[in-house]
Amino acid sequence: MCRTTSTQYDDDDGDLDTQLTILVHTIEMLESVRDDLFSQLASSQREIHLLEAENEERRDFLDLTRQQLQQEQALNDEITKEIEDLIEENDRLDQLIQKRTPPSSD
């Protein structure tokens, strides 16, 4: 019976060694995967920061463009008002001229 027990322990030791070896390889593989994921995360974070900076530049450009368009619209509104005023003045002057000019007889 001792012999069987001794053989059983040897088999158990062999199984344990195999399991430990598999466990060590699994841990090493998981550590490698973790390192790769951390590397990808760092790369993604750098890319996010670059995209955020680019986005901020575009927002600033859009704000500047919006301000310029608002200024141009204000100028256009002012010019349109001046044109309307000139048309009204022209119409008023035409009416005055018509009142002062005698009808022509042909």
PDB file of N, CA and C in Angstrom:
ATOM      1  N   MET A   1       0.812  -1.173   0.000  1.00  0.00           N
ATOM      2  CA  MET A   1       0.000   0.000   0.000  1.00  0.00           C
ATOM      3  C   MET A   1       0.864   1.248   0.000  1.00  0.00           C
ATOM      4  N   CYS A   2       2.001   1.159   0.640  1.00  0.00           N
ATOM      5  CA  CYS A   2       2.919   2.287   0.636  1.00  0.00           C
ATOM      6  C   CYS A   2       3.386   2.591  -0.762  1.00  0.00           C
ATOM      7  N   ARG A   3       3.622   1.538  -1.513  1.00  0.00           N
ATOM      8  CA  ARG A   3       4.104   1.711  -2.871  1.00  0.00           C
ATOM      9  C   ARG A   3       3.075   2.464  -3.713  1.00  0.00           C
ATOM     10  N   THR A   4       1.840   2.116  -3.580  1.00  0.00           N
ATOM     11  CA  THR A   4       0.776   2.783  -4.326  1.00  0.00           C
ATOM     12  C   THR A   4       0.699   4.243  -3.915  1.00  0.00           C
ATOM     13  N   THR A   5       0.812   4.475  -2.640  1.00  0.00           N
ATOM     14  CA  THR A   5       0.750   5.841  -2.144  1.00  0.00           C
ATOM     15  C   THR A   5       1.929   6.645  -2.657  1.00  0.00           C
ATOM     16  N   SER A   6       3.115   6.042  -2.646  1.00  0.00           N
ATOM     17  CA  SER A   6       4.299   6.723  -3.160  1.00  0.00           C
ATOM     18  C   SER A   6       4.135   7.038  -4.633  1.00  0.00           C
ATOM     19  N   THR A   7       3.640   6.113  -5.396  1.00  0.00           N
ATOM     20  CA  THR A   7       3.414   6.337  -6.828  1.00  0.00           C
ATOM     21  C   THR A   7       2.347   7.396  -7.025  1.00  0.00           C
ATOM     22  N   GLN A   8       1.345   7.351  -6.179  1.00  0.00           N
ATOM     23  CA  GLN A   8       0.272   8.342  -6.282  1.00  0.00           C
ATOM     24  C   GLN A   8       0.833   9.734  -6.011  1.00  0.00           C
ATOM     25  N   TYR A   9       1.705   9.854  -5.011  1.00  0.00           N
ATOM     26  CA  TYR A   9       2.311  11.152  -4.721  1.00  0.00           C
ATOM     27  C   TYR A   9       3.183  11.614  -5.873  1.00  0.00           C
ATOM     28  N   ASP A  10       3.924  10.674  -6.469  1.00  0.00           N
ATOM     29  CA  ASP A  10       4.751  11.035  -7.622  1.00  0.00           C
ATOM     30  C   ASP A  10       3.877  11.522  -8.769  1.00  0.00           C
ATOM     31  N   ASP A  11       2.761  10.828  -8.998  1.00  0.00           N
ATOM     32  CA  ASP A  11       1.829  11.258 -10.045  1.00  0.00           C
ATOM     33  C   ASP A  11       1.226  12.616  -9.696  1.00  0.00           C
ATOM     34  N   ASP A  12       0.871  12.774  -8.419  1.00  0.00           N
ATOM     35  CA  ASP A  12       0.302  14.054  -7.986  1.00  0.00           C
ATOM     36  C   ASP A  12       1.327  15.170  -8.138  1.00  0.00           C
ATOM     37  N   ASP A  13       2.589  14.886  -7.796  1.00  0.00           N
ATOM     38  CA  ASP A  13       3.649  15.884  -7.964  1.00  0.00           C
ATOM     39  C   ASP A  13       3.814  16.243  -9.432  1.00  0.00           C
ATOM     40  N   GLY A  14       3.751  15.234 -10.301  1.00  0.00           N
ATOM     41  CA  GLY A  14       3.869  15.483 -11.738  1.00  0.00           C
ATOM     42  C   GLY A  14       2.703  16.311 -12.238  1.00  0.00           C
ATOM     43  N   ASP A  15       1.498  15.972 -11.775  1.00  0.00           N
ATOM     44  CA  ASP A  15       0.321  16.753 -12.159  1.00  0.00           C
ATOM     45  C   ASP A  15       0.431  18.178 -11.631  1.00  0.00           C
ATOM     46  N   LEU A  16       0.912  18.295 -10.414  1.00  0.00           N
ATOM     47  CA  LEU A  16       1.064  19.618  -9.812  1.00  0.00           C
ATOM     48  C   LEU A  16       2.104  20.438 -10.566  1.00  0.00           C
ATOM     49  N   ASP A  17       3.222  19.803 -10.921  1.00  0.00           N
ATOM     50  CA  ASP A  17       4.247  20.498 -11.709  1.00  0.00           C
ATOM     51  C   ASP A  17       3.682  20.943 -13.051  1.00  0.00           C
ATOM     52  N   THR A  18       2.921  20.073 -13.687  1.00  0.00           N
ATOM     53  CA  THR A  18       2.312  20.417 -14.981  1.00  0.00           C
ATOM     54  C   THR A  18       1.334  21.575 -14.812  1.00  0.00           C
ATOM     55  N   GLN A  19       0.515  21.492 -13.778  1.00  0.00           N
ATOM     56  CA  GLN A  19      -0.457  22.557 -13.532  1.00  0.00           C
ATOM     57  C   GLN A  19       0.239  23.880 -13.218  1.00  0.00           C
ATOM     58  N   LEU A  20       1.300  23.814 -12.423  1.00  0.00           N
ATOM     59  CA  LEU A  20       2.047  25.031 -12.102  1.00  0.00           C
ATOM     60  C   LEU A  20       2.700  25.620 -13.346  1.00  0.00           C
ATOM     61  N   THR A  21       3.253  24.738 -14.192  1.00  0.00           N
ATOM     62  CA  THR A  21       3.865  25.204 -15.441  1.00  0.00           C
ATOM     63  C   THR A  21       2.820  25.882 -16.321  1.00  0.00           C
ATOM     64  N   ILE A  22       1.653  25.250 -16.436  1.00  0.00           N
ATOM     65  CA  ILE A  22       0.567  25.843 -17.227  1.00  0.00           C
ATOM     66  C   ILE A  22       0.143  27.175 -16.618  1.00  0.00           C
ATOM     67  N   LEU A  23       0.045  27.210 -15.296  1.00  0.00           N
ATOM     68  CA  LEU A  23      -0.348  28.437 -14.605  1.00  0.00           C
ATOM     69  C   LEU A  23       0.674  29.548 -14.826  1.00  0.00           C
ATOM     70  N   VAL A  24       1.954  29.218 -14.741  1.00  0.00           N
ATOM     71  CA  VAL A  24       3.016  30.207 -14.974  1.00  0.00           C
ATOM     72  C   VAL A  24       2.936  30.737 -16.402  1.00  0.00           C
ATOM     73  N   HIS A  25       2.747  29.844 -17.378  1.00  0.00           N
ATOM     74  CA  HIS A  25       2.634  30.275 -18.780  1.00  0.00           C
ATOM     75  C   HIS A  25       1.389  31.146 -18.984  1.00  0.00           C
ATOM     76  N   THR A  26       0.310  30.757 -18.320  1.00  0.00           N
ATOM     77  CA  THR A  26      -0.923  31.550 -18.421  1.00  0.00           C
ATOM     78  C   THR A  26      -0.714  32.943 -17.835  1.00  0.00           C
ATOM     79  N   ILE A  27      -0.048  33.006 -16.686  1.00  0.00           N
ATOM     80  CA  ILE A  27       0.234  34.300 -16.051  1.00  0.00           C
ATOM     81  C   ILE A  27       1.131  35.144 -16.949  1.00  0.00           C
ATOM     82  N   GLU A  28       2.157  34.533 -17.520  1.00  0.00           N
ATOM     83  CA  GLU A  28       3.053  35.268 -18.421  1.00  0.00           C
ATOM     84  C   GLU A  28       2.291  35.782 -19.639  1.00  0.00           C
ATOM     85  N   MET A  29       1.399  34.945 -20.180  1.00  0.00           N
ATOM     86  CA  MET A  29       0.615  35.355 -21.336  1.00  0.00           C
ATOM     87  C   MET A  29      -0.314  36.517 -20.960  1.00  0.00           C
ATOM     88  N   LEU A  30      -0.952  36.412 -19.798  1.00  0.00           N
ATOM     89  CA  LEU A  30      -1.850  37.473 -19.344  1.00  0.00           C
ATOM     90  C   LEU A  30      -1.086  38.772 -19.080  1.00  0.00           C
ATOM     91  N   GLU A  31       0.107  38.665 -18.513  1.00  0.00           N
ATOM     92  CA  GLU A  31       0.930  39.856 -18.298  1.00  0.00           C
ATOM     93  C   GLU A  31       1.304  40.498 -19.624  1.00  0.00           C
ATOM     94  N   SER A  32       1.601  39.674 -20.609  1.00  0.00           N
ATOM     95  CA  SER A  32       1.938  40.192 -21.937  1.00  0.00           C
ATOM     96  C   SER A  32       0.730  40.895 -22.559  1.00  0.00           C
ATOM     97  N   VAL A  33      -0.437  40.266 -22.419  1.00  0.00           N
ATOM     98  CA  VAL A  33      -1.670  40.880 -22.934  1.00  0.00           C
ATOM     99  C   VAL A  33      -1.935  42.199 -22.209  1.00  0.00           C
ATOM    100  N   ARG A  34      -1.749  42.198 -20.882  1.00  0.00           N
ATOM    101  CA  ARG A  34      -1.945  43.413 -20.096  1.00  0.00           C
ATOM    102  C   ARG A  34      -1.003  44.518 -20.566  1.00  0.00           C
ATOM    103  N   ASP A  35       0.261  44.181 -20.775  1.00  0.00           N
ATOM    104  CA  ASP A  35       1.233  45.167 -21.251  1.00  0.00           C
ATOM    105  C   ASP A  35       0.830  45.725 -22.610  1.00  0.00           C
ATOM    106  N   ASP A  36       0.364  44.843 -23.496  1.00  0.00           N
ATOM    107  CA  ASP A  36      -0.103  45.295 -24.815  1.00  0.00           C
ATOM    108  C   ASP A  36      -1.299  46.233 -24.679  1.00  0.00           C
ATOM    109  N   LEU A  37      -2.211  45.871 -23.785  1.00  0.00           N
ATOM    110  CA  LEU A  37      -3.395  46.716 -23.586  1.00  0.00           C
ATOM    111  C   LEU A  37      -3.013  48.076 -23.002  1.00  0.00           C
ATOM    112  N   PHE A  38      -2.073  48.090 -22.055  1.00  0.00           N
ATOM    113  CA  PHE A  38      -1.607  49.362 -21.502  1.00  0.00           C
ATOM    114  C   PHE A  38      -0.948  50.211 -22.588  1.00  0.00           C
ATOM    115  N   SER A  39      -0.194  49.563 -23.447  1.00  0.00           N
ATOM    116  CA  SER A  39       0.450  50.275 -24.551  1.00  0.00           C
ATOM    117  C   SER A  39      -0.597  50.855 -25.496  1.00  0.00           C
ATOM    118  N   GLN A  40      -1.604  50.053 -25.819  1.00  0.00           N
ATOM    119  CA  GLN A  40      -2.680  50.537 -26.691  1.00  0.00           C
ATOM    120  C   GLN A  40      -3.448  51.668 -26.025  1.00  0.00           C
ATOM    121  N   LEU A  41      -3.679  51.548 -24.728  1.00  0.00           N
ATOM    122  CA  LEU A  41      -4.373  52.594 -23.987  1.00  0.00           C
ATOM    123  C   LEU A  41      -3.578  53.893 -24.024  1.00  0.00           C
ATOM    124  N   ALA A  42      -2.289  53.814 -23.788  1.00  0.00           N
ATOM    125  CA  ALA A  42      -1.440  55.011 -23.825  1.00  0.00           C
ATOM    126  C   ALA A  42      -1.461  55.636 -25.211  1.00  0.00           C
ATOM    127  N   SER A  43      -1.393  54.812 -26.228  1.00  0.00           N
ATOM    128  CA  SER A  43      -1.448  55.311 -27.601  1.00  0.00           C
ATOM    129  C   SER A  43      -2.791  55.972 -27.881  1.00  0.00           C
ATOM    130  N   SER A  44      -3.856  55.343 -27.431  1.00  0.00           N
ATOM    131  CA  SER A  44      -5.194  55.908 -27.626  1.00  0.00           C
ATOM    132  C   SER A  44      -5.339  57.233 -26.888  1.00  0.00           C
ATOM    133  N   GLN A  45      -4.792  57.317 -25.688  1.00  0.00           N
ATOM    134  CA  GLN A  45      -4.868  58.564 -24.922  1.00  0.00           C
ATOM    135  C   GLN A  45      -4.100  59.681 -25.617  1.00  0.00           C
ATOM    136  N   ARG A  46      -2.938  59.357 -26.188  1.00  0.00           N
ATOM    137  CA  ARG A  46      -2.186  60.370 -26.939  1.00  0.00           C
ATOM    138  C   ARG A  46      -3.001  60.840 -28.141  1.00  0.00           C
ATOM    139  N   GLU A  47      -3.621  59.894 -28.819  1.00  0.00           N
ATOM    140  CA  GLU A  47      -4.431  60.246 -29.989  1.00  0.00           C
ATOM    141  C   GLU A  47      -5.630  61.101 -29.580  1.00  0.00           C
ATOM    142  N   ILE A  48      -6.238  60.759 -28.458  1.00  0.00           N
ATOM    143  CA  ILE A  48      -7.365  61.554 -27.957  1.00  0.00           C
ATOM    144  C   ILE A  48      -6.912  62.975 -27.661  1.00  0.00           C
ATOM    145  N   HIS A  49      -5.758  63.137 -27.023  1.00  0.00           N
ATOM    146  CA  HIS A  49      -5.251  64.476 -26.712  1.00  0.00           C
ATOM    147  C   HIS A  49      -4.985  65.265 -27.990  1.00  0.00           C
ATOM    148  N   LEU A  50      -4.423  64.604 -28.999  1.00  0.00           N
ATOM    149  CA  LEU A  50      -4.183  65.280 -30.278  1.00  0.00           C
ATOM    150  C   LEU A  50      -5.497  65.698 -30.925  1.00  0.00           C
ATOM    151  N   LEU A  51      -6.474  64.803 -30.897  1.00  0.00           N
ATOM    152  CA  LEU A  51      -7.779  65.120 -31.485  1.00  0.00           C
ATOM    153  C   LEU A  51      -8.480  66.241 -30.718  1.00  0.00           C
ATOM    154  N   GLU A  52      -8.336  66.250 -29.399  1.00  0.00           N
ATOM    155  CA  GLU A  52      -8.922  67.328 -28.603  1.00  0.00           C
ATOM    156  C   GLU A  52      -8.274  68.666 -28.948  1.00  0.00           C
ATOM    157  N   ALA A  53      -6.958  68.670 -29.118  1.00  0.00           N
ATOM    158  CA  ALA A  53      -6.257  69.902 -29.486  1.00  0.00           C
ATOM    159  C   ALA A  53      -6.700  70.366 -30.872  1.00  0.00           C
ATOM    160  N   GLU A  54      -6.817  69.426 -31.801  1.00  0.00           N
ATOM    161  CA  GLU A  54      -7.266  69.766 -33.156  1.00  0.00           C
ATOM    162  C   GLU A  54      -8.703  70.291 -33.118  1.00  0.00           C
ATOM    163  N   ASN A  55      -9.526  69.675 -32.305  1.00  0.00           N
ATOM    164  CA  ASN A  55     -10.914  70.105 -32.165  1.00  0.00           C
ATOM    165  C   ASN A  55     -10.982  71.527 -31.600  1.00  0.00           C
ATOM    166  N   GLU A  56     -10.139  71.815 -30.632  1.00  0.00           N
ATOM    167  CA  GLU A  56     -10.098  73.158 -30.038  1.00  0.00           C
ATOM    168  C   GLU A  56      -9.675  74.195 -31.078  1.00  0.00           C
ATOM    169  N   GLU A  57      -8.686  73.844 -31.900  1.00  0.00           N
ATOM    170  CA  GLU A  57      -8.256  74.754 -32.966  1.00  0.00           C
ATOM    171  C   GLU A  57      -9.399  75.017 -33.936  1.00  0.00           C
ATOM    172  N   ARG A  58     -10.134  73.975 -34.272  1.00  0.00           N
ATOM    173  CA  ARG A  58     -11.262  74.138 -35.198  1.00  0.00           C
ATOM    174  C   ARG A  58     -12.367  74.983 -34.576  1.00  0.00           C
ATOM    175  N   ARG A  59     -12.609  74.797 -33.286  1.00  0.00           N
ATOM    176  CA  ARG A  59     -13.613  75.629 -32.607  1.00  0.00           C
ATOM    177  C   ARG A  59     -13.195  77.098 -32.633  1.00  0.00           C
ATOM    178  N   ASP A  60     -11.917  77.345 -32.348  1.00  0.00           N
ATOM    179  CA  ASP A  60     -11.423  78.721 -32.383  1.00  0.00           C
ATOM    180  C   ASP A  60     -11.588  79.313 -33.775  1.00  0.00           C
ATOM    181  N   PHE A  61     -11.262  78.524 -34.807  1.00  0.00           N
ATOM    182  CA  PHE A  61     -11.404  78.989 -36.187  1.00  0.00           C
ATOM    183  C   PHE A  61     -12.872  79.277 -36.503  1.00  0.00           C
ATOM    184  N   LEU A  62     -13.763  78.383 -36.061  1.00  0.00           N
ATOM    185  CA  LEU A  62     -15.190  78.596 -36.301  1.00  0.00           C
ATOM    186  C   LEU A  62     -15.699  79.837 -35.572  1.00  0.00           C
ATOM    187  N   ASP A  63     -15.225  80.058 -34.349  1.00  0.00           N
ATOM    188  CA  ASP A  63     -15.621  81.259 -33.612  1.00  0.00           C
ATOM    189  C   ASP A  63     -15.168  82.515 -34.343  1.00  0.00           C
ATOM    190  N   LEU A  64     -13.939  82.504 -34.826  1.00  0.00           N
ATOM    191  CA  LEU A  64     -13.416  83.645 -35.569  1.00  0.00           C
ATOM    192  C   LEU A  64     -14.221  83.858 -36.849  1.00  0.00           C
ATOM    193  N   THR A  65     -14.506  82.772 -37.560  1.00  0.00           N
ATOM    194  CA  THR A  65     -15.286  82.862 -38.792  1.00  0.00           C
ATOM    195  C   THR A  65     -16.684  83.399 -38.497  1.00  0.00           C
ATOM    196  N   ARG A  66     -17.297  82.939 -37.418  1.00  0.00           N
ATOM    197  CA  ARG A  66     -18.626  83.416 -37.031  1.00  0.00           C
ATOM    198  C   ARG A  66     -18.591  84.917 -36.748  1.00  0.00           C
ATOM    199  N   GLN A  67     -17.572  85.365 -36.031  1.00  0.00           N
ATOM    200  CA  GLN A  67     -17.446  86.797 -35.738  1.00  0.00           C
ATOM    201  C   GLN A  67     -17.291  87.601 -37.022  1.00  0.00           C
ATOM    202  N   GLN A  68     -16.465  87.096 -37.934  1.00  0.00           N
ATOM    203  CA  GLN A  68     -16.268  87.792 -39.204  1.00  0.00           C
ATOM    204  C   GLN A  68     -17.570  87.851 -39.995  1.00  0.00           C
ATOM    205  N   LEU A  69     -18.309  86.755 -40.015  1.00  0.00           N
ATOM    206  CA  LEU A  69     -19.583  86.732 -40.732  1.00  0.00           C
ATOM    207  C   LEU A  69     -20.592  87.688 -40.098  1.00  0.00           C
ATOM    208  N   GLN A  70     -20.596  87.772 -38.782  1.00  0.00           N
ATOM    209  CA  GLN A  70     -21.494  88.707 -38.104  1.00  0.00           C
ATOM    210  C   GLN A  70     -21.125  90.146 -38.448  1.00  0.00           C
ATOM    211  N   GLN A  71     -19.822  90.442 -38.492  1.00  0.00           N
ATOM    212  CA  GLN A  71     -19.386  91.790 -38.869  1.00  0.00           C
ATOM    213  C   GLN A  71     -19.764  92.091 -40.313  1.00  0.00           C
ATOM    214  N   GLU A  72     -19.568  91.115 -41.199  1.00  0.00           N
ATOM    215  CA  GLU A  72     -19.921  91.308 -42.604  1.00  0.00           C
ATOM    216  C   GLU A  72     -21.427  91.478 -42.764  1.00  0.00           C
ATOM    217  N   GLN A  73     -22.210  90.725 -41.984  1.00  0.00           N
ATOM    218  CA  GLN A  73     -23.665  90.856 -42.046  1.00  0.00           C
ATOM    219  C   GLN A  73     -24.095  92.234 -41.559  1.00  0.00           C
ATOM    220  N   ALA A  74     -23.459  92.719 -40.501  1.00  0.00           N
ATOM    221  CA  ALA A  74     -23.777  94.061 -40.001  1.00  0.00           C
ATOM    222  C   ALA A  74     -23.444  95.107 -41.063  1.00  0.00           C
ATOM    223  N   LEU A  75     -22.304  94.953 -41.727  1.00  0.00           N
ATOM    224  CA  LEU A  75     -21.923  95.878 -42.795  1.00  0.00           C
ATOM    225  C   LEU A  75     -22.911  95.785 -43.955  1.00  0.00           C
ATOM    226  N   ASN A  76     -23.299  94.569 -44.329  1.00  0.00           N
ATOM    227  CA  ASN A  76     -24.285  94.392 -45.398  1.00  0.00           C
ATOM    228  C   ASN A  76     -25.616  95.039 -45.032  1.00  0.00           C
ATOM    229  N   ASP A  77     -26.034  94.880 -43.788  1.00  0.00           N
ATOM    230  CA  ASP A  77     -27.281  95.504 -43.335  1.00  0.00           C
ATOM    231  C   ASP A  77     -27.191  97.024 -43.429  1.00  0.00           C
ATOM    232  N   GLU A  78     -26.037  97.563 -43.037  1.00  0.00           N
ATOM    233  CA  GLU A  78     -25.829  99.012 -43.101  1.00  0.00           C
ATOM    234  C   GLU A  78     -25.862  99.497 -44.554  1.00  0.00           C
ATOM    235  N   ILE A  79     -25.194  98.783 -45.441  1.00  0.00           N
ATOM    236  CA  ILE A  79     -25.172  99.157 -46.863  1.00  0.00           C
ATOM    237  C   ILE A  79     -26.576  99.051 -47.450  1.00  0.00           C
ATOM    238  N   THR A  80     -27.301  97.986 -47.104  1.00  0.00           N
ATOM    239  CA  THR A  80     -28.677  97.817 -47.590  1.00  0.00           C
ATOM    240  C   THR A  80     -29.546  98.979 -47.129  1.00  0.00           C
ATOM    241  N   LYS A  81     -29.402  99.390 -45.885  1.00  0.00           N
ATOM    242  CA  LYS A  81     -30.177 100.527 -45.353  1.00  0.00           C
ATOM    243  C   LYS A  81     -29.827 101.801 -46.107  1.00  0.00           C
ATOM    244  N   GLU A  82     -28.542 102.019 -46.367  1.00  0.00           N
ATOM    245  CA  GLU A  82     -28.132 103.213 -47.116  1.00  0.00           C
ATOM    246  C   GLU A  82     -28.710 103.188 -48.530  1.00  0.00           C
ATOM    247  N   ILE A  83     -28.709 102.025 -49.169  1.00  0.00           N
ATOM    248  CA  ILE A  83     -29.279 101.908 -50.520  1.00  0.00           C
ATOM    249  C   ILE A  83     -30.773 102.210 -50.480  1.00  0.00           C
ATOM    250  N   GLU A  84     -31.471 101.643 -49.491  1.00  0.00           N
ATOM    251  CA  GLU A  84     -32.906 101.909 -49.359  1.00  0.00           C
ATOM    252  C   GLU A  84     -33.161 103.395 -49.134  1.00  0.00           C
ATOM    253  N   ASP A  85     -32.343 104.024 -48.296  1.00  0.00           N
ATOM    254  CA  ASP A  85     -32.485 105.470 -48.053  1.00  0.00           C
ATOM    255  C   ASP A  85     -32.246 106.255 -49.339  1.00  0.00           C
ATOM    256  N   LEU A  86     -31.231 105.852 -50.118  1.00  0.00           N
ATOM    257  CA  LEU A  86     -30.948 106.539 -51.387  1.00  0.00           C
ATOM    258  C   LEU A  86     -32.088 106.347 -52.388  1.00  0.00           C
ATOM    259  N   ILE A  87     -32.675 105.180 -52.426  1.00  0.00           N
ATOM    260  CA  ILE A  87     -33.811 104.935 -53.319  1.00  0.00           C
ATOM    261  C   ILE A  87     -34.988 105.822 -52.920  1.00  0.00           C
ATOM    262  N   GLU A  88     -35.260 105.898 -51.615  1.00  0.00           N
ATOM    263  CA  GLU A  88     -36.341 106.763 -51.135  1.00  0.00           C
ATOM    264  C   GLU A  88     -36.060 108.222 -51.488  1.00  0.00           C
ATOM    265  N   GLU A  89     -34.822 108.644 -51.278  1.00  0.00           N
ATOM    266  CA  GLU A  89     -34.441 110.027 -51.604  1.00  0.00           C
ATOM    267  C   GLU A  89     -34.576 110.264 -53.107  1.00  0.00           C
ATOM    268  N   ASN A  90     -34.166 109.314 -53.902  1.00  0.00           N
ATOM    269  CA  ASN A  90     -34.273 109.426 -55.356  1.00  0.00           C
ATOM    270  C   ASN A  90     -35.741 109.521 -55.780  1.00  0.00           C
ATOM    271  N   ASP A  91     -36.588 108.682 -55.197  1.00  0.00           N
ATOM    272  CA  ASP A  91     -38.020 108.738 -55.504  1.00  0.00           C
ATOM    273  C   ASP A  91     -38.599 110.091 -55.110  1.00  0.00           C
ATOM    274  N   ARG A  92     -38.224 110.604 -53.961  1.00  0.00           N
ATOM    275  CA  ARG A  92     -38.710 111.907 -53.497  1.00  0.00           C
ATOM    276  C   ARG A  92     -38.258 113.013 -54.448  1.00  0.00           C
ATOM    277  N   LEU A  93     -36.994 112.940 -54.878  1.00  0.00           N
ATOM    278  CA  LEU A  93     -36.488 113.954 -55.814  1.00  0.00           C
ATOM    279  C   LEU A  93     -37.187 113.842 -57.167  1.00  0.00           C
ATOM    280  N   ASP A  94     -37.453 112.640 -57.624  1.00  0.00           N
ATOM    281  CA  ASP A  94     -38.182 112.451 -58.880  1.00  0.00           C
ATOM    282  C   ASP A  94     -39.569 113.082 -58.799  1.00  0.00           C
ATOM    283  N   GLN A  95     -40.229 112.914 -57.666  1.00  0.00           N
ATOM    284  CA  GLN A  95     -41.559 113.508 -57.501  1.00  0.00           C
ATOM    285  C   GLN A  95     -41.483 115.031 -57.514  1.00  0.00           C
ATOM    286  N   LEU A  96     -40.451 115.573 -56.858  1.00  0.00           N
ATOM    287  CA  LEU A  96     -40.282 117.033 -56.858  1.00  0.00           C
ATOM    288  C   LEU A  96     -40.027 117.542 -58.276  1.00  0.00           C
ATOM    289  N   ILE A  97     -39.203 116.833 -59.015  1.00  0.00           N
ATOM    290  CA  ILE A  97     -38.887 117.238 -60.390  1.00  0.00           C
ATOM    291  C   ILE A  97     -40.151 117.187 -61.236  1.00  0.00           C
ATOM    292  N   GLN A  98     -40.948 116.165 -61.065  1.00  0.00           N
ATOM    293  CA  GLN A  98     -42.178 116.046 -61.851  1.00  0.00           C
ATOM    294  C   GLN A  98     -43.151 117.176 -61.528  1.00  0.00           C
ATOM    295  N   LYS A  99     -43.205 117.606 -60.281  1.00  0.00           N
ATOM    296  CA  LYS A  99     -44.096 118.697 -59.888  1.00  0.00           C
ATOM    297  C   LYS A  99     -43.629 120.019 -60.479  1.00  0.00           C
ATOM    298  N   ARG A 100     -42.344 120.224 -60.614  1.00  0.00           N
ATOM    299  CA  ARG A 100     -41.798 121.498 -61.077  1.00  0.00           C
ATOM    300  C   ARG A 100     -41.667 121.557 -62.595  1.00  0.00           C
ATOM    301  N   THR A 101     -41.664 120.424 -63.214  1.00  0.00           N
ATOM    302  CA  THR A 101     -41.507 120.421 -64.667  1.00  0.00           C
ATOM    303  C   THR A 101     -42.893 120.477 -65.313  1.00  0.00           C
ATOM    304  N   PRO A 102     -43.085 121.492 -66.163  1.00  0.00           N
ATOM    305  CA  PRO A 102     -44.396 121.573 -66.820  1.00  0.00           C
ATOM    306  C   PRO A 102     -44.529 120.449 -67.843  1.00  0.00           C
ATOM    307  N   PRO A 103     -45.728 119.996 -68.043  1.00  0.00           N
ATOM    308  CA  PRO A 103     -45.912 118.949 -69.041  1.00  0.00           C
ATOM    309  C   PRO A 103     -45.530 119.468 -70.409  1.00  0.00           C
ATOM    310  N   SER A 104     -44.894 118.654 -71.161  1.00  0.00           N
ATOM    311  CA  SER A 104     -44.474 119.076 -72.493  1.00  0.00           C
ATOM    312  C   SER A 104     -45.630 118.891 -73.462  1.00  0.00           C
ATOM    313  N   SER A 105     -45.725 119.840 -74.358  1.00  0.00           N
ATOM    314  CA  SER A 105     -46.788 119.733 -75.357  1.00  0.00           C
ATOM    315  C   SER A 105     -46.160 119.471 -76.696  1.00  0.00           C
ATOM    316  N   ASP A 106     -46.579 118.410 -77.288  1.00  0.00           N
ATOM    317  CA  ASP A 106     -46.020 118.048 -78.590  1.00  0.00           C
ATOM    318  C   ASP A 106     -46.951 118.408 -79.662  1.00  0.00           C
TER     319      ASP A 106
END
